[in-house]
Amino acid sequence: MITLRKIFAVIGSLVGVGGLVLGYLQWQYPNTVLFHGRYDMNGIWSFEYQYPVSNGIVHLKGKAHYFSNGKYNVTGTMEIVGGLKKSEIYLKYSMDGAGEWTINDNDLITTLNSFITSPVKSMSNGIENDIYTDAKLLGIILETPQDKMPIGKSQLYEIISSNGDQLELKTDGICGDFSFIINKVK
């Protein structure tokens, strides 16, 4: 005979098992749509944006691959354009980085755990230079953006709008206050 007590015991067991399954999924795949509502970051996203720095502008272009385990990789280029004592300086670097990400409400939070840059091009006043030769002749240690980037640096991006494969992000962090759009490639 089926009693109310047995029905509640079965329902309680099913709820308990369901809770264990959801707990395991949250632990195994912490950054999936299941746990972050409407934002599906998993996949490859392209980006292009710039922000001002003293005496110039930094322009970033590349792709970021967000994984369901909360890790991400980023590759692309960084161009720095600026003026220094009546000279126009242009530096281009390739960049490669890895870190962690999470979404809390409408905030995408990234932490850059490693970052490598390599000089690609150097110009002053429209004339291309060999950046390594110039540094050696001047007797200086060639610094790259990675030399100035502390490991574990985090950045918060507010998600302003989303239409599935496109997110508009806004930041008012270390690089200033600006918005930009990222597009899902894959």
Protein backbone atom coordinates (compact mmCIF):
# COMPACT_ATOMS: atom_id res chain seq x y z
CA MET A 1 0.00 0.00 0.00
CA ILE A 2 1.29 3.45 -0.95
CA THR A 3 1.20 5.84 1.94
CA LEU A 4 1.75 9.55 2.10
CA ARG A 5 4.90 8.88 4.08
CA LYS A 6 6.35 6.74 1.21
CA ILE A 7 5.45 9.39 -1.39
CA PHE A 8 7.23 12.08 0.62
CA ALA A 9 10.24 9.78 1.12
CA VAL A 10 10.51 9.19 -2.66
CA ILE A 11 10.09 12.91 -3.43
CA GLY A 12 12.68 13.77 -0.78
CA SER A 13 15.13 11.24 -2.21
CA LEU A 14 14.66 12.59 -5.75
CA VAL A 15 15.18 16.18 -4.58
CA GLY A 16 18.32 15.09 -2.70
CA VAL A 17 19.75 13.26 -5.72
CA GLY A 18 18.88 16.25 -7.95
CA GLY A 19 20.68 18.57 -5.54
CA LEU A 20 23.75 16.35 -5.61
CA VAL A 21 23.73 16.26 -9.42
CA LEU A 22 23.38 20.06 -9.67
CA GLY A 23 26.09 20.51 -7.05
CA TYR A 24 28.44 18.27 -9.01
CA LEU A 25 27.67 20.09 -12.28
CA GLN A 26 28.30 23.47 -10.63
CA TRP A 27 31.64 22.20 -9.34
CA GLN A 28 32.64 20.57 -12.65
CA TYR A 29 31.36 23.30 -15.02
CA PRO A 30 31.13 26.53 -12.98
CA ASN A 31 30.74 28.98 -15.88
CA THR A 32 27.97 27.52 -18.01
CA VAL A 33 24.64 29.06 -18.94
CA LEU A 34 22.97 26.69 -16.50
CA PHE A 35 24.58 28.61 -13.64
CA HIS A 36 24.90 32.09 -15.15
CA GLY A 37 21.53 32.71 -16.72
CA ARG A 38 21.49 34.21 -20.17
CA TYR A 39 25.24 34.71 -20.73
CA ASP A 40 26.92 31.84 -22.55
CA MET A 41 30.59 32.83 -22.59
CA ASN A 42 31.90 29.41 -23.61
CA GLY A 43 33.59 29.64 -26.99
CA ILE A 44 35.78 32.03 -28.97
CA TRP A 45 35.06 35.78 -28.89
CA SER A 46 36.71 38.47 -31.02
CA PHE A 47 37.45 41.91 -29.61
CA GLU A 48 38.85 45.24 -30.73
CA TYR A 49 39.06 48.31 -28.55
CA GLN A 50 41.34 51.12 -27.49
CA TYR A 51 41.89 53.26 -24.45
CA PRO A 52 43.95 56.37 -23.70
CA VAL A 53 47.23 56.34 -21.80
CA SER A 54 49.50 59.25 -20.97
CA ASN A 55 50.73 60.75 -24.27
CA GLY A 56 48.99 58.14 -26.42
CA ILE A 57 46.54 55.33 -27.10
CA VAL A 58 46.66 51.55 -26.64
CA HIS A 59 44.75 49.55 -29.27
CA LEU A 60 43.97 45.85 -28.65
CA LYS A 61 42.67 43.38 -31.21
CA GLY A 62 42.36 39.63 -30.93
CA LYS A 63 40.40 36.63 -29.74
CA ALA A 64 39.61 35.21 -26.34
CA HIS A 65 38.63 31.58 -25.84
CA TYR A 66 36.45 31.08 -22.74
CA PHE A 67 36.20 27.54 -21.39
CA SER A 68 33.46 26.03 -19.22
CA ASN A 69 35.96 25.29 -16.43
CA GLY A 70 36.44 29.02 -15.75
CA LYS A 71 39.72 29.38 -17.69
CA TYR A 72 40.39 31.52 -20.74
CA ASN A 73 43.15 32.14 -23.30
CA VAL A 74 43.69 35.37 -25.20
CA THR A 75 45.78 36.06 -28.32
CA GLY A 76 46.12 39.07 -30.55
CA THR A 77 48.00 42.30 -31.02
CA MET A 78 48.63 45.36 -28.92
CA GLU A 79 49.52 48.63 -30.64
CA ILE A 80 50.78 51.64 -28.73
CA VAL A 81 50.76 55.01 -30.46
CA GLY A 82 51.97 58.14 -28.79
CA GLY A 83 54.00 61.30 -28.90
CA LEU A 84 57.24 61.82 -27.06
CA LYS A 85 59.19 65.10 -27.39
CA LYS A 86 57.81 65.96 -30.85
CA SER A 87 58.20 62.38 -32.10
CA GLU A 88 55.39 60.06 -33.11
CA ILE A 89 56.09 56.61 -31.68
CA TYR A 90 54.39 53.40 -32.84
CA LEU A 91 54.97 50.01 -31.20
CA LYS A 92 53.22 46.77 -32.11
CA TYR A 93 53.36 43.62 -29.99
CA SER A 94 51.88 40.16 -30.37
CA MET A 95 50.25 39.03 -27.14
CA ASP A 96 49.33 35.70 -25.63
CA GLY A 97 47.76 35.26 -22.22
CA ALA A 98 45.84 32.89 -19.98
CA GLY A 99 43.65 33.39 -16.96
CA GLU A 100 40.39 32.72 -15.18
CA TRP A 101 36.90 34.17 -15.58
CA THR A 102 33.55 34.18 -13.87
CA ILE A 103 30.20 35.96 -14.19
CA ASN A 104 28.39 37.47 -11.20
CA ASP A 105 25.01 38.96 -12.09
CA ASN A 106 25.88 41.35 -14.97
CA ASP A 107 29.63 41.45 -14.32
CA LEU A 108 32.27 39.51 -16.24
CA ILE A 109 35.37 39.26 -14.06
CA THR A 110 38.68 38.18 -15.59
CA THR A 111 42.00 37.47 -13.90
CA LEU A 112 45.09 37.43 -16.11
CA ASN A 113 47.48 34.81 -14.70
CA SER A 114 50.10 34.85 -17.45
CA PHE A 115 50.83 37.30 -20.24
CA ILE A 116 53.56 37.17 -22.89
CA THR A 117 54.25 39.85 -25.46
CA SER A 118 56.75 39.96 -28.33
CA PRO A 119 57.71 43.06 -30.31
CA VAL A 120 56.49 42.97 -33.90
CA LYS A 121 57.12 46.48 -35.20
CA SER A 122 58.63 49.75 -34.07
CA MET A 123 58.34 53.10 -35.86
CA SER A 124 59.24 56.66 -35.03
CA ASN A 125 58.13 59.56 -37.21
CA GLY A 126 56.96 57.11 -39.89
CA ILE A 127 60.30 55.30 -40.18
CA GLU A 128 60.41 51.61 -39.27
CA ASN A 129 63.09 50.64 -36.78
CA ASP A 130 64.54 47.38 -35.56
CA ILE A 131 63.43 47.54 -31.96
CA TYR A 132 66.15 45.16 -30.71
CA THR A 133 68.98 47.00 -32.51
CA ASP A 134 67.74 50.37 -31.24
CA ALA A 135 67.61 49.07 -27.68
CA LYS A 136 71.09 47.53 -27.92
CA LEU A 137 72.63 50.68 -29.42
CA LEU A 138 71.08 52.80 -26.69
CA GLY A 139 72.25 50.39 -24.01
CA ILE A 140 68.78 49.95 -22.56
CA ILE A 141 66.86 46.93 -21.42
CA LEU A 142 63.94 46.41 -23.77
CA GLU A 143 60.77 46.36 -21.70
CA THR A 144 57.55 44.90 -23.03
CA PRO A 145 54.00 45.28 -21.73
CA GLN A 146 54.33 41.95 -19.89
CA ASP A 147 57.15 43.47 -17.82
CA LYS A 148 54.68 45.99 -16.43
CA MET A 149 51.72 43.61 -15.94
CA PRO A 150 51.43 42.09 -12.47
CA ILE A 151 50.46 38.41 -12.43
CA GLY A 152 46.91 37.84 -11.15
CA LYS A 153 45.58 41.25 -12.17
CA SER A 154 41.76 41.25 -12.32
CA GLN A 155 39.38 43.38 -14.32
CA LEU A 156 35.62 43.80 -14.01
CA TYR A 157 33.50 44.34 -17.13
CA GLU A 158 29.85 45.27 -16.72
CA ILE A 159 27.67 43.55 -19.33
CA ILE A 160 25.62 46.44 -20.74
CA SER A 161 23.72 44.51 -23.40
CA SER A 162 23.60 41.08 -24.99
CA ASN A 163 22.01 39.65 -28.10
CA GLY A 164 23.43 36.14 -27.87
CA ASP A 165 26.51 36.31 -30.06
CA GLN A 166 27.40 39.89 -29.14
CA LEU A 167 28.07 41.51 -25.78
CA GLU A 168 28.61 45.16 -25.01
CA LEU A 169 30.99 45.51 -22.08
CA LYS A 170 31.82 48.58 -20.00
CA THR A 171 34.73 49.02 -17.67
CA ASP A 172 35.82 51.82 -15.40
CA GLY A 173 38.90 50.06 -14.19
CA ILE A 174 42.61 50.57 -14.38
CA CYS A 175 42.61 51.59 -18.05
CA GLY A 176 39.89 54.21 -17.75
CA ASP A 177 36.17 54.34 -18.42
CA PHE A 178 35.12 52.95 -21.82
CA SER A 179 32.75 50.52 -23.56
CA PHE A 180 33.41 48.02 -26.32
CA ILE A 181 31.73 45.10 -28.10
CA ILE A 182 32.87 41.48 -28.31
CA ASN A 183 31.47 39.07 -30.89
CA LYS A 184 31.17 35.30 -30.58
CA VAL A 185 33.09 33.65 -33.41
CA LYS A 186 32.59 30.01 -32.49
